[in-house]
């Protein structure tokens, strides 16, 4: 599950219109962040965007594929889906999909930091 640096840089350019994204190495891939919220995941040079109950059907209807890292049980909603292939062709095509993912990430409560309470 390697990530090529060139693909990460391409994503920065592709998503520049939604804001200055940050890429962080994780588990052999990359986490894609905006304002400290992870809204994307890259593994093997495949971009997966955050979904939730409000957006998953749009990704499915557009032909997206789910990222499955454990057995998917019926009724379970995978948290990340690929955008349609044409979204990777231009910033204009990517913008609505990235915005859906950012909104889904913002609807999810932030995790509390681990460690002793202060």
PDB file of N, CA and C in Angstrom:
ATOM      1  N   UNK A   1       0.832  -1.188   0.000  1.00  0.00           N
ATOM      2  CA  UNK A   1       0.000   0.000   0.000  1.00  0.00           C
ATOM      3  C   UNK A   1       0.873   1.245   0.000  1.00  0.00           C
ATOM      4  N   UNK A   2       1.581   1.441  -1.049  1.00  0.00           N
ATOM      5  CA  UNK A   2       2.472   2.588  -1.148  1.00  0.00           C
ATOM      6  C   UNK A   2       1.734   3.775  -1.760  1.00  0.00           C
ATOM      7  N   UNK A   3       2.201   4.949  -1.419  1.00  0.00           N
ATOM      8  CA  UNK A   3       1.648   6.175  -1.997  1.00  0.00           C
ATOM      9  C   UNK A   3       2.783   6.886  -2.709  1.00  0.00           C
ATOM     10  N   UNK A   4       2.539   7.274  -3.904  1.00  0.00           N
ATOM     11  CA  UNK A   4       3.540   7.995  -4.661  1.00  0.00           C
ATOM     12  C   UNK A   4       3.429   9.491  -4.369  1.00  0.00           C
ATOM     13  N   UNK A   5       4.565  10.094  -4.139  1.00  0.00           N
ATOM     14  CA  UNK A   5       4.632  11.520  -3.823  1.00  0.00           C
ATOM     15  C   UNK A   5       3.952  12.368  -4.901  1.00  0.00           C
ATOM     16  N   UNK A   6       4.122  11.979  -6.149  1.00  0.00           N
ATOM     17  CA  UNK A   6       3.550  12.757  -7.258  1.00  0.00           C
ATOM     18  C   UNK A   6       2.021  12.809  -7.166  1.00  0.00           C
ATOM     19  N   UNK A   7       1.405  11.697  -6.777  1.00  0.00           N
ATOM     20  CA  UNK A   7      -0.052  11.683  -6.671  1.00  0.00           C
ATOM     21  C   UNK A   7      -0.513  12.616  -5.556  1.00  0.00           C
ATOM     22  N   UNK A   8       0.196  12.605  -4.437  1.00  0.00           N
ATOM     23  CA  UNK A   8      -0.135  13.508  -3.341  1.00  0.00           C
ATOM     24  C   UNK A   8      -0.047  14.966  -3.760  1.00  0.00           C
ATOM     25  N   UNK A   9       0.993  15.307  -4.497  1.00  0.00           N
ATOM     26  CA  UNK A   9       1.140  16.682  -4.978  1.00  0.00           C
ATOM     27  C   UNK A   9       0.055  17.038  -5.984  1.00  0.00           C
ATOM     28  N   UNK A  10      -0.317  16.073  -6.824  1.00  0.00           N
ATOM     29  CA  UNK A  10      -1.405  16.303  -7.767  1.00  0.00           C
ATOM     30  C   UNK A  10      -2.703  16.599  -7.014  1.00  0.00           C
ATOM     31  N   UNK A  11      -2.962  15.876  -5.925  1.00  0.00           N
ATOM     32  CA  UNK A  11      -4.171  16.124  -5.141  1.00  0.00           C
ATOM     33  C   UNK A  11      -4.174  17.521  -4.533  1.00  0.00           C
ATOM     34  N   UNK A  12      -3.013  17.981  -4.090  1.00  0.00           N
ATOM     35  CA  UNK A  12      -2.933  19.357  -3.556  1.00  0.00           C
ATOM     36  C   UNK A  12      -3.378  20.369  -4.611  1.00  0.00           C
ATOM     37  N   UNK A  13      -2.902  20.196  -5.831  1.00  0.00           N
ATOM     38  CA  UNK A  13      -3.278  21.097  -6.924  1.00  0.00           C
ATOM     39  C   UNK A  13      -4.760  20.945  -7.268  1.00  0.00           C
ATOM     40  N   UNK A  14      -5.212  19.704  -7.348  1.00  0.00           N
ATOM     41  CA  UNK A  14      -6.589  19.415  -7.731  1.00  0.00           C
ATOM     42  C   UNK A  14      -7.594  19.997  -6.738  1.00  0.00           C
ATOM     43  N   UNK A  15      -7.231  20.009  -5.454  1.00  0.00           N
ATOM     44  CA  UNK A  15      -8.161  20.463  -4.423  1.00  0.00           C
ATOM     45  C   UNK A  15      -7.845  21.862  -3.902  1.00  0.00           C
ATOM     46  N   UNK A  16      -7.004  22.588  -4.579  1.00  0.00           N
ATOM     47  CA  UNK A  16      -6.619  23.926  -4.128  1.00  0.00           C
ATOM     48  C   UNK A  16      -7.830  24.852  -3.983  1.00  0.00           C
ATOM     49  N   UNK A  17      -8.856  24.643  -4.786  1.00  0.00           N
ATOM     50  CA  UNK A  17     -10.034  25.511  -4.724  1.00  0.00           C
ATOM     51  C   UNK A  17     -10.854  25.323  -3.450  1.00  0.00           C
ATOM     52  N   UNK A  18     -10.723  24.173  -2.774  1.00  0.00           N
ATOM     53  CA  UNK A  18     -11.494  23.964  -1.544  1.00  0.00           C
ATOM     54  C   UNK A  18     -10.713  24.409  -0.319  1.00  0.00           C
ATOM     55  N   UNK A  19      -9.438  24.699  -0.500  1.00  0.00           N
ATOM     56  CA  UNK A  19      -8.612  25.162   0.609  1.00  0.00           C
ATOM     57  C   UNK A  19      -7.237  24.519   0.557  1.00  0.00           C
ATOM     58  N   UNK A  20      -6.404  24.924   1.468  1.00  0.00           N
ATOM     59  CA  UNK A  20      -5.054  24.382   1.524  1.00  0.00           C
ATOM     60  C   UNK A  20      -5.085  23.058   2.285  1.00  0.00           C
ATOM     61  N   UNK A  21      -5.018  21.973   1.541  1.00  0.00           N
ATOM     62  CA  UNK A  21      -5.088  20.672   2.189  1.00  0.00           C
ATOM     63  C   UNK A  21      -3.717  20.275   2.717  1.00  0.00           C
ATOM     64  N   UNK A  22      -3.757  19.419   3.716  1.00  0.00           N
ATOM     65  CA  UNK A  22      -2.539  18.885   4.310  1.00  0.00           C
ATOM     66  C   UNK A  22      -2.576  17.376   4.131  1.00  0.00           C
ATOM     67  N   UNK A  23      -1.434  16.805   3.778  1.00  0.00           N
ATOM     68  CA  UNK A  23      -1.319  15.364   3.604  1.00  0.00           C
ATOM     69  C   UNK A  23      -0.456  14.819   4.724  1.00  0.00           C
ATOM     70  N   UNK A  24      -0.906  13.743   5.341  1.00  0.00           N
ATOM     71  CA  UNK A  24      -0.162  13.160   6.451  1.00  0.00           C
ATOM     72  C   UNK A  24      -0.010  11.666   6.229  1.00  0.00           C
ATOM     73  N   UNK A  25       1.222  11.184   6.315  1.00  0.00           N
ATOM     74  CA  UNK A  25       1.485   9.759   6.139  1.00  0.00           C
ATOM     75  C   UNK A  25       0.784   8.961   7.226  1.00  0.00           C
ATOM     76  N   UNK A  26       0.159   7.861   6.803  1.00  0.00           N
ATOM     77  CA  UNK A  26      -0.502   6.983   7.770  1.00  0.00           C
ATOM     78  C   UNK A  26      -0.700   5.603   7.172  1.00  0.00           C
ATOM     79  N   UNK A  27      -0.276   4.581   7.862  1.00  0.00           N
ATOM     80  CA  UNK A  27      -0.516   3.195   7.483  1.00  0.00           C
ATOM     81  C   UNK A  27      -0.160   2.886   6.029  1.00  0.00           C
ATOM     82  N   UNK A  28       0.928   3.416   5.545  1.00  0.00           N
ATOM     83  CA  UNK A  28       1.334   3.155   4.168  1.00  0.00           C
ATOM     84  C   UNK A  28       0.587   3.989   3.152  1.00  0.00           C
ATOM     85  N   UNK A  29      -0.223   4.895   3.603  1.00  0.00           N
ATOM     86  CA  UNK A  29      -0.980   5.761   2.711  1.00  0.00           C
ATOM     87  C   UNK A  29      -0.896   7.193   3.181  1.00  0.00           C
ATOM     88  N   UNK A  30      -1.898   7.969   2.835  1.00  0.00           N
ATOM     89  CA  UNK A  30      -1.964   9.370   3.232  1.00  0.00           C
ATOM     90  C   UNK A  30      -3.350   9.696   3.763  1.00  0.00           C
ATOM     91  N   UNK A  31      -3.384  10.507   4.802  1.00  0.00           N
ATOM     92  CA  UNK A  31      -4.625  11.119   5.234  1.00  0.00           C
ATOM     93  C   UNK A  31      -4.694  12.487   4.582  1.00  0.00           C
ATOM     94  N   UNK A  32      -5.854  12.886   4.113  1.00  0.00           N
ATOM     95  CA  UNK A  32      -6.047  14.184   3.462  1.00  0.00           C
ATOM     96  C   UNK A  32      -6.862  15.045   4.423  1.00  0.00           C
ATOM     97  N   UNK A  33      -6.297  16.180   4.826  1.00  0.00           N
ATOM     98  CA  UNK A  33      -6.892  17.018   5.868  1.00  0.00           C
ATOM     99  C   UNK A  33      -7.151  18.437   5.376  1.00  0.00           C
ATOM    100  N   UNK A  34      -8.204  19.030   5.934  1.00  0.00           N
ATOM    101  CA  UNK A  34      -8.474  20.448   5.802  1.00  0.00           C
ATOM    102  C   UNK A  34      -8.917  20.915   7.182  1.00  0.00           C
ATOM    103  N   UNK A  35      -8.260  21.931   7.703  1.00  0.00           N
ATOM    104  CA  UNK A  35      -8.609  22.464   9.028  1.00  0.00           C
ATOM    105  C   UNK A  35      -8.626  21.364  10.099  1.00  0.00           C
ATOM    106  N   UNK A  36      -7.623  20.531  10.110  1.00  0.00           N
ATOM    107  CA  UNK A  36      -7.465  19.457  11.100  1.00  0.00           C
ATOM    108  C   UNK A  36      -8.569  18.405  11.069  1.00  0.00           C
ATOM    109  N   UNK A  37      -9.303  18.329   9.995  1.00  0.00           N
ATOM    110  CA  UNK A  37     -10.322  17.285   9.827  1.00  0.00           C
ATOM    111  C   UNK A  37      -9.928  16.421   8.637  1.00  0.00           C
ATOM    112  N   UNK A  38      -9.852  15.125   8.879  1.00  0.00           N
ATOM    113  CA  UNK A  38      -9.523  14.201   7.801  1.00  0.00           C
ATOM    114  C   UNK A  38     -10.760  13.978   6.945  1.00  0.00           C
ATOM    115  N   UNK A  39     -10.645  14.299   5.659  1.00  0.00           N
ATOM    116  CA  UNK A  39     -11.779  14.114   4.753  1.00  0.00           C
ATOM    117  C   UNK A  39     -11.439  13.205   3.584  1.00  0.00           C
ATOM    118  N   UNK A  40     -10.214  12.729   3.545  1.00  0.00           N
ATOM    119  CA  UNK A  40      -9.815  11.851   2.463  1.00  0.00           C
ATOM    120  C   UNK A  40      -8.740  10.882   2.907  1.00  0.00           C
ATOM    121  N   UNK A  41      -8.566   9.861   2.107  1.00  0.00           N
ATOM    122  CA  UNK A  41      -7.617   8.803   2.381  1.00  0.00           C
ATOM    123  C   UNK A  41      -7.056   8.355   1.040  1.00  0.00           C
ATOM    124  N   UNK A  42      -5.749   8.174   0.961  1.00  0.00           N
ATOM    125  CA  UNK A  42      -5.120   7.707  -0.270  1.00  0.00           C
ATOM    126  C   UNK A  42      -4.352   6.430   0.040  1.00  0.00           C
ATOM    127  N   UNK A  43      -4.679   5.368  -0.665  1.00  0.00           N
ATOM    128  CA  UNK A  43      -3.945   4.110  -0.581  1.00  0.00           C
ATOM    129  C   UNK A  43      -3.733   3.593  -1.991  1.00  0.00           C
ATOM    130  N   UNK A  44      -2.501   3.173  -2.272  1.00  0.00           N
ATOM    131  CA  UNK A  44      -2.162   2.675  -3.609  1.00  0.00           C
ATOM    132  C   UNK A  44      -2.579   3.658  -4.705  1.00  0.00           C
ATOM    133  N   UNK A  45      -2.361   4.928  -4.451  1.00  0.00           N
ATOM    134  CA  UNK A  45      -2.701   5.991  -5.404  1.00  0.00           C
ATOM    135  C   UNK A  45      -4.183   6.010  -5.775  1.00  0.00           C
ATOM    136  N   UNK A  46      -5.021   5.596  -4.862  1.00  0.00           N
ATOM    137  CA  UNK A  46      -6.472   5.674  -5.041  1.00  0.00           C
ATOM    138  C   UNK A  46      -6.999   6.610  -3.968  1.00  0.00           C
ATOM    139  N   UNK A  47      -7.762   7.611  -4.385  1.00  0.00           N
ATOM    140  CA  UNK A  47      -8.354   8.568  -3.459  1.00  0.00           C
ATOM    141  C   UNK A  47      -9.720   8.089  -3.018  1.00  0.00           C
ATOM    142  N   UNK A  48      -9.919   8.085  -1.706  1.00  0.00           N
ATOM    143  CA  UNK A  48     -11.215   7.793  -1.103  1.00  0.00           C
ATOM    144  C   UNK A  48     -11.621   9.034  -0.319  1.00  0.00           C
ATOM    145  N   UNK A  49     -12.872   9.441  -0.442  1.00  0.00           N
ATOM    146  CA  UNK A  49     -13.358  10.631   0.255  1.00  0.00           C
ATOM    147  C   UNK A  49     -14.363  10.246   1.334  1.00  0.00           C
ATOM    148  N   UNK A  50     -14.387  11.010   2.411  1.00  0.00           N
ATOM    149  CA  UNK A  50     -15.258  10.763   3.552  1.00  0.00           C
ATOM    150  C   UNK A  50     -16.717  10.860   3.138  1.00  0.00           C
ATOM    151  N   UNK A  51     -17.500   9.902   3.607  1.00  0.00           N
ATOM    152  CA  UNK A  51     -18.942   9.920   3.374  1.00  0.00           C
ATOM    153  C   UNK A  51     -19.655   9.734   4.705  1.00  0.00           C
ATOM    154  N   UNK A  52     -20.933  10.002   4.697  1.00  0.00           N
ATOM    155  CA  UNK A  52     -21.788   9.721   5.846  1.00  0.00           C
ATOM    156  C   UNK A  52     -23.174   9.376   5.307  1.00  0.00           C
ATOM    157  N   UNK A  53     -24.124   9.220   6.195  1.00  0.00           N
ATOM    158  CA  UNK A  53     -25.469   8.827   5.774  1.00  0.00           C
ATOM    159  C   UNK A  53     -26.093   9.818   4.797  1.00  0.00           C
ATOM    160  N   UNK A  54     -25.667  11.078   4.838  1.00  0.00           N
ATOM    161  CA  UNK A  54     -26.237  12.093   3.941  1.00  0.00           C
ATOM    162  C   UNK A  54     -25.597  12.104   2.553  1.00  0.00           C
ATOM    163  N   UNK A  55     -24.401  11.535   2.412  1.00  0.00           N
ATOM    164  CA  UNK A  55     -23.693  11.637   1.135  1.00  0.00           C
ATOM    165  C   UNK A  55     -23.367  10.312   0.461  1.00  0.00           C
ATOM    166  N   UNK A  56     -23.441   9.213   1.188  1.00  0.00           N
ATOM    167  CA  UNK A  56     -22.976   7.937   0.635  1.00  0.00           C
ATOM    168  C   UNK A  56     -23.727   7.541  -0.631  1.00  0.00           C
ATOM    169  N   UNK A  57     -25.008   7.803  -0.700  1.00  0.00           N
ATOM    170  CA  UNK A  57     -25.771   7.412  -1.895  1.00  0.00           C
ATOM    171  C   UNK A  57     -25.333   8.192  -3.132  1.00  0.00           C
ATOM    172  N   UNK A  58     -24.903   9.437  -2.957  1.00  0.00           N
ATOM    173  CA  UNK A  58     -24.410  10.207  -4.100  1.00  0.00           C
ATOM    174  C   UNK A  58     -23.135   9.584  -4.654  1.00  0.00           C
ATOM    175  N   UNK A  59     -22.247   9.146  -3.762  1.00  0.00           N
ATOM    176  CA  UNK A  59     -21.012   8.495  -4.200  1.00  0.00           C
ATOM    177  C   UNK A  59     -21.329   7.158  -4.880  1.00  0.00           C
ATOM    178  N   UNK A  60     -22.248   6.400  -4.294  1.00  0.00           N
ATOM    179  CA  UNK A  60     -22.634   5.114  -4.868  1.00  0.00           C
ATOM    180  C   UNK A  60     -23.257   5.315  -6.256  1.00  0.00           C
ATOM    181  N   UNK A  61     -24.176   6.278  -6.369  1.00  0.00           N
ATOM    182  CA  UNK A  61     -24.861   6.535  -7.639  1.00  0.00           C
ATOM    183  C   UNK A  61     -23.895   7.013  -8.726  1.00  0.00           C
ATOM    184  N   UNK A  62     -22.806   7.662  -8.324  1.00  0.00           N
ATOM    185  CA  UNK A  62     -21.822   8.156  -9.292  1.00  0.00           C
ATOM    186  C   UNK A  62     -20.818   7.072  -9.672  1.00  0.00           C
ATOM    187  N   UNK A  63     -21.006   5.870  -9.140  1.00  0.00           N
ATOM    188  CA  UNK A  63     -20.118   4.766  -9.487  1.00  0.00           C
ATOM    189  C   UNK A  63     -18.931   4.603  -8.559  1.00  0.00           C
ATOM    190  N   UNK A  64     -18.977   5.275  -7.402  1.00  0.00           N
ATOM    191  CA  UNK A  64     -17.882   5.159  -6.448  1.00  0.00           C
ATOM    192  C   UNK A  64     -17.769   3.766  -5.861  1.00  0.00           C
ATOM    193  N   UNK A  65     -16.583   3.464  -5.391  1.00  0.00           N
ATOM    194  CA  UNK A  65     -16.303   2.186  -4.747  1.00  0.00           C
ATOM    195  C   UNK A  65     -15.931   2.444  -3.291  1.00  0.00           C
ATOM    196  N   UNK A  66     -16.415   1.609  -2.371  1.00  0.00           N
ATOM    197  CA  UNK A  66     -16.092   1.822  -0.967  1.00  0.00           C
ATOM    198  C   UNK A  66     -14.679   1.349  -0.621  1.00  0.00           C
ATOM    199  N   UNK A  67     -14.088   2.011   0.355  1.00  0.00           N
ATOM    200  CA  UNK A  67     -12.843   1.528   0.947  1.00  0.00           C
ATOM    201  C   UNK A  67     -13.256   0.614   2.090  1.00  0.00           C
ATOM    202  N   UNK A  68     -12.839  -0.636   2.008  1.00  0.00           N
ATOM    203  CA  UNK A  68     -13.218  -1.606   3.026  1.00  0.00           C
ATOM    204  C   UNK A  68     -11.943  -2.141   3.665  1.00  0.00           C
ATOM    205  N   UNK A  69     -11.766  -1.854   4.933  1.00  0.00           N
ATOM    206  CA  UNK A  69     -10.583  -2.312   5.646  1.00  0.00           C
ATOM    207  C   UNK A  69     -10.897  -3.411   6.649  1.00  0.00           C
ATOM    208  N   UNK A  70     -12.121  -3.797   6.733  1.00  0.00           N
ATOM    209  CA  UNK A  70     -12.546  -4.917   7.571  1.00  0.00           C
ATOM    210  C   UNK A  70     -13.799  -5.481   6.906  1.00  0.00           C
ATOM    211  N   UNK A  71     -14.208  -6.664   7.293  1.00  0.00           N
ATOM    212  CA  UNK A  71     -15.425  -7.202   6.664  1.00  0.00           C
ATOM    213  C   UNK A  71     -16.594  -6.223   6.791  1.00  0.00           C
ATOM    214  N   UNK A  72     -17.243  -6.005   5.680  1.00  0.00           N
ATOM    215  CA  UNK A  72     -18.366  -5.082   5.613  1.00  0.00           C
ATOM    216  C   UNK A  72     -19.631  -5.867   5.905  1.00  0.00           C
ATOM    217  N   UNK A  73     -20.326  -5.478   6.945  1.00  0.00           N
ATOM    218  CA  UNK A  73     -21.566  -6.160   7.323  1.00  0.00           C
ATOM    219  C   UNK A  73     -22.757  -5.435   6.713  1.00  0.00           C
ATOM    220  N   UNK A  74     -23.794  -6.192   6.445  1.00  0.00           N
ATOM    221  CA  UNK A  74     -25.006  -5.601   5.892  1.00  0.00           C
ATOM    222  C   UNK A  74     -25.521  -4.506   6.822  1.00  0.00           C
ATOM    223  N   UNK A  75     -25.917  -3.391   6.254  1.00  0.00           N
ATOM    224  CA  UNK A  75     -26.410  -2.265   7.031  1.00  0.00           C
ATOM    225  C   UNK A  75     -25.319  -1.304   7.456  1.00  0.00           C
ATOM    226  N   UNK A  76     -24.079  -1.722   7.318  1.00  0.00           N
ATOM    227  CA  UNK A  76     -22.954  -0.874   7.691  1.00  0.00           C
ATOM    228  C   UNK A  76     -22.630   0.064   6.523  1.00  0.00           C
ATOM    229  N   UNK A  77     -22.293   1.286   6.824  1.00  0.00           N
ATOM    230  CA  UNK A  77     -21.944   2.248   5.781  1.00  0.00           C
ATOM    231  C   UNK A  77     -20.435   2.451   5.795  1.00  0.00           C
ATOM    232  N   UNK A  78     -19.738   2.065   4.711  1.00  0.00           N
ATOM    233  CA  UNK A  78     -18.304   2.343   4.671  1.00  0.00           C
ATOM    234  C   UNK A  78     -18.078   3.852   4.758  1.00  0.00           C
ATOM    235  N   UNK A  79     -17.044   4.261   5.452  1.00  0.00           N
ATOM    236  CA  UNK A  79     -16.810   5.677   5.697  1.00  0.00           C
ATOM    237  C   UNK A  79     -16.120   6.435   4.595  1.00  0.00           C
ATOM    238  N   UNK A  80     -15.535   5.748   3.621  1.00  0.00           N
ATOM    239  CA  UNK A  80     -14.816   6.413   2.533  1.00  0.00           C
ATOM    240  C   UNK A  80     -15.153   5.732   1.219  1.00  0.00           C
ATOM    241  N   UNK A  81     -15.380   6.554   0.187  1.00  0.00           N
ATOM    242  CA  UNK A  81     -15.702   6.054  -1.157  1.00  0.00           C
ATOM    243  C   UNK A  81     -14.861   6.811  -2.182  1.00  0.00           C
ATOM    244  N   UNK A  82     -14.621   6.176  -3.298  1.00  0.00           N
ATOM    245  CA  UNK A  82     -13.934   6.874  -4.387  1.00  0.00           C
ATOM    246  C   UNK A  82     -14.910   7.848  -5.042  1.00  0.00           C
ATOM    247  N   UNK A  83     -14.400   8.985  -5.477  1.00  0.00           N
ATOM    248  CA  UNK A  83     -15.249   9.875  -6.281  1.00  0.00           C
ATOM    249  C   UNK A  83     -15.344   9.289  -7.691  1.00  0.00           C
ATOM    250  N   UNK A  84     -16.238   9.809  -8.522  1.00  0.00           N
ATOM    251  CA  UNK A  84     -16.288   9.312  -9.899  1.00  0.00           C
ATOM    252  C   UNK A  84     -14.957   9.598 -10.599  1.00  0.00           C
ATOM    253  N   UNK A  85     -14.564   8.749 -11.546  1.00  0.00           N
ATOM    254  CA  UNK A  85     -13.258   8.918 -12.210  1.00  0.00           C
ATOM    255  C   UNK A  85     -13.025  10.299 -12.811  1.00  0.00           C
ATOM    256  N   UNK A  86     -14.063  10.926 -13.367  1.00  0.00           N
ATOM    257  CA  UNK A  86     -13.861  12.236 -13.990  1.00  0.00           C
ATOM    258  C   UNK A  86     -13.536  13.320 -12.969  1.00  0.00           C
ATOM    259  N   UNK A  87     -13.807  13.074 -11.688  1.00  0.00           N
ATOM    260  CA  UNK A  87     -13.481  14.068 -10.657  1.00  0.00           C
ATOM    261  C   UNK A  87     -11.969  14.262 -10.552  1.00  0.00           C
ATOM    262  N   UNK A  88     -11.211  13.268 -10.936  1.00  0.00           N
ATOM    263  CA  UNK A  88      -9.752  13.362 -10.863  1.00  0.00           C
ATOM    264  C   UNK A  88      -9.150  14.085 -12.064  1.00  0.00           C
ATOM    265  N   UNK A  89      -9.995  14.509 -12.998  1.00  0.00           N
ATOM    266  CA  UNK A  89      -9.501  15.139 -14.210  1.00  0.00           C
ATOM    267  C   UNK A  89      -9.379  16.653 -14.120  1.00  0.00           C
ATOM    268  N   UNK A  90     -10.117  17.287 -13.204  1.00  0.00           N
ATOM    269  CA  UNK A  90     -10.022  18.744 -13.098  1.00  0.00           C
ATOM    270  C   UNK A  90     -10.458  19.210 -11.719  1.00  0.00           C
ATOM    271  N   UNK A  91      -9.963  20.377 -11.349  1.00  0.00           N
ATOM    272  CA  UNK A  91     -10.348  20.969 -10.061  1.00  0.00           C
ATOM    273  C   UNK A  91     -11.843  21.241 -10.032  1.00  0.00           C
ATOM    274  N   UNK A  92     -12.391  21.680 -11.151  1.00  0.00           N
ATOM    275  CA  UNK A  92     -13.820  21.978 -11.220  1.00  0.00           C
ATOM    276  C   UNK A  92     -14.655  20.720 -11.001  1.00  0.00           C
ATOM    277  N   UNK A  93     -14.226  19.593 -11.562  1.00  0.00           N
ATOM    278  CA  UNK A  93     -14.957  18.339 -11.385  1.00  0.00           C
ATOM    279  C   UNK A  93     -14.778  17.777  -9.977  1.00  0.00           C
ATOM    280  N   UNK A  94     -13.625  18.019  -9.361  1.00  0.00           N
ATOM    281  CA  UNK A  94     -13.358  17.499  -8.026  1.00  0.00           C
ATOM    282  C   UNK A  94     -14.056  18.300  -6.935  1.00  0.00           C
ATOM    283  N   UNK A  95     -14.213  19.605  -7.139  1.00  0.00           N
ATOM    284  CA  UNK A  95     -14.727  20.489  -6.088  1.00  0.00           C
ATOM    285  C   UNK A  95     -15.996  19.978  -5.403  1.00  0.00           C
ATOM    286  N   UNK A  96     -17.068  19.610  -6.118  1.00  0.00           N
ATOM    287  CA  UNK A  96     -18.279  19.202  -5.398  1.00  0.00           C
ATOM    288  C   UNK A  96     -18.087  17.926  -4.577  1.00  0.00           C
ATOM    289  N   UNK A  97     -17.243  17.026  -5.042  1.00  0.00           N
ATOM    290  CA  UNK A  97     -17.005  15.778  -4.301  1.00  0.00           C
ATOM    291  C   UNK A  97     -16.162  16.049  -3.065  1.00  0.00           C
ATOM    292  N   UNK A  98     -15.144  16.874  -3.211  1.00  0.00           N
ATOM    293  CA  UNK A  98     -14.321  17.235  -2.051  1.00  0.00           C
ATOM    294  C   UNK A  98     -15.172  17.989  -1.027  1.00  0.00           C
ATOM    295  N   UNK A  99     -16.048  18.877  -1.488  1.00  0.00           N
ATOM    296  CA  UNK A  99     -16.896  19.622  -0.562  1.00  0.00           C
ATOM    297  C   UNK A  99     -17.854  18.704   0.193  1.00  0.00           C
ATOM    298  N   UNK A 100     -18.398  17.700  -0.488  1.00  0.00           N
ATOM    299  CA  UNK A 100     -19.262  16.729   0.199  1.00  0.00           C
ATOM    300  C   UNK A 100     -18.479  16.017   1.306  1.00  0.00           C
ATOM    301  N   UNK A 101     -17.238  15.625   0.977  1.00  0.00           N
ATOM    302  CA  UNK A 101     -16.405  14.919   1.954  1.00  0.00           C
ATOM    303  C   UNK A 101     -16.045  15.821   3.133  1.00  0.00           C
ATOM    304  N   UNK A 102     -15.733  17.065   2.856  1.00  0.00           N
ATOM    305  CA  UNK A 102     -15.396  18.013   3.924  1.00  0.00           C
ATOM    306  C   UNK A 102     -16.606  18.221   4.834  1.00  0.00           C
ATOM    307  N   UNK A 103     -17.780  18.366   4.240  1.00  0.00           N
ATOM    308  CA  UNK A 103     -19.002  18.544   5.038  1.00  0.00           C
ATOM    309  C   UNK A 103     -19.279  17.309   5.888  1.00  0.00           C
ATOM    310  N   UNK A 104     -19.083  16.110   5.318  1.00  0.00           N
ATOM    311  CA  UNK A 104     -19.282  14.877   6.093  1.00  0.00           C
ATOM    312  C   UNK A 104     -18.300  14.815   7.256  1.00  0.00           C
ATOM    313  N   UNK A 105     -17.062  15.203   7.010  1.00  0.00           N
ATOM    314  CA  UNK A 105     -16.052  15.199   8.077  1.00  0.00           C
ATOM    315  C   UNK A 105     -16.412  16.210   9.167  1.00  0.00           C
ATOM    316  N   UNK A 106     -16.947  17.343   8.776  1.00  0.00           N
ATOM    317  CA  UNK A 106     -17.321  18.366   9.768  1.00  0.00           C
ATOM    318  C   UNK A 106     -18.532  17.954  10.590  1.00  0.00           C
ATOM    319  N   UNK A 107     -19.399  17.110  10.034  1.00  0.00           N
ATOM    320  CA  UNK A 107     -20.566  16.646  10.791  1.00  0.00           C
ATOM    321  C   UNK A 107     -20.186  15.619  11.854  1.00  0.00           C
ATOM    322  N   UNK A 108     -19.045  14.992  11.678  1.00  0.00           N
ATOM    323  CA  UNK A 108     -18.602  13.988  12.656  1.00  0.00           C
ATOM    324  C   UNK A 108     -17.905  14.697  13.806  1.00  0.00           C
ATOM    325  N   UNK A 109     -18.305  14.394  15.037  1.00  0.00           N
ATOM    326  CA  UNK A 109     -17.653  15.048  16.185  1.00  0.00           C
ATOM    327  C   UNK A 109     -16.165  14.717  16.225  1.00  0.00           C
ATOM    328  N   UNK A 110     -15.370  15.691  16.640  1.00  0.00           N
ATOM    329  CA  UNK A 110     -13.941  15.464  16.799  1.00  0.00           C
ATOM    330  C   UNK A 110     -13.713  14.519  17.963  1.00  0.00           C
ATOM    331  N   UNK A 111     -12.719  13.660  17.806  1.00  0.00           N
ATOM    332  CA  UNK A 111     -12.350  12.771  18.906  1.00  0.00           C
ATOM    333  C   UNK A 111     -11.627  13.552  19.970  1.00  0.00           C
ATOM    334  N   UNK A 112     -11.860  13.157  21.193  1.00  0.00           N
ATOM    335  CA  UNK A 112     -11.122  13.768  22.292  1.00  0.00           C
ATOM    336  C   UNK A 112      -9.719  13.205  22.291  1.00  0.00           C
ATOM    337  N   UNK A 113      -8.722  14.015  22.591  1.00  0.00           N
ATOM    338  CA  UNK A 113      -7.353  13.504  22.637  1.00  0.00           C
ATOM    339  C   UNK A 113      -7.227  12.415  23.685  1.00  0.00           C
ATOM    340  N   UNK A 114      -6.413  11.410  23.359  1.00  0.00           N
ATOM    341  CA  UNK A 114      -6.173  10.338  24.321  1.00  0.00           C
ATOM    342  C   UNK A 114      -5.193  10.804  25.363  1.00  0.00           C
ATOM    343  N   UNK A 115      -5.204  10.117  26.472  1.00  0.00           N
ATOM    344  CA  UNK A 115      -4.264  10.452  27.530  1.00  0.00           C
ATOM    345  C   UNK A 115      -5.002  10.928  28.764  1.00  0.00           C
ATOM    346  N   UNK A 116      -4.235  11.267  29.789  1.00  0.00           N
ATOM    347  CA  UNK A 116      -4.881  11.700  31.033  1.00  0.00           C
ATOM    348  C   UNK A 116      -5.623  13.025  30.858  1.00  0.00           C
ATOM    349  N   UNK A 117      -6.739  13.129  31.559  1.00  0.00           N
ATOM    350  CA  UNK A 117      -7.516  14.371  31.517  1.00  0.00           C
ATOM    351  C   UNK A 117      -6.727  15.480  32.181  1.00  0.00           C
ATOM    352  N   UNK A 118      -6.855  16.663  31.656  1.00  0.00           N
ATOM    353  CA  UNK A 118      -6.144  17.820  32.214  1.00  0.00           C
ATOM    354  C   UNK A 118      -7.112  18.854  32.674  1.00  0.00           C
TER     355      UNK A 118
END
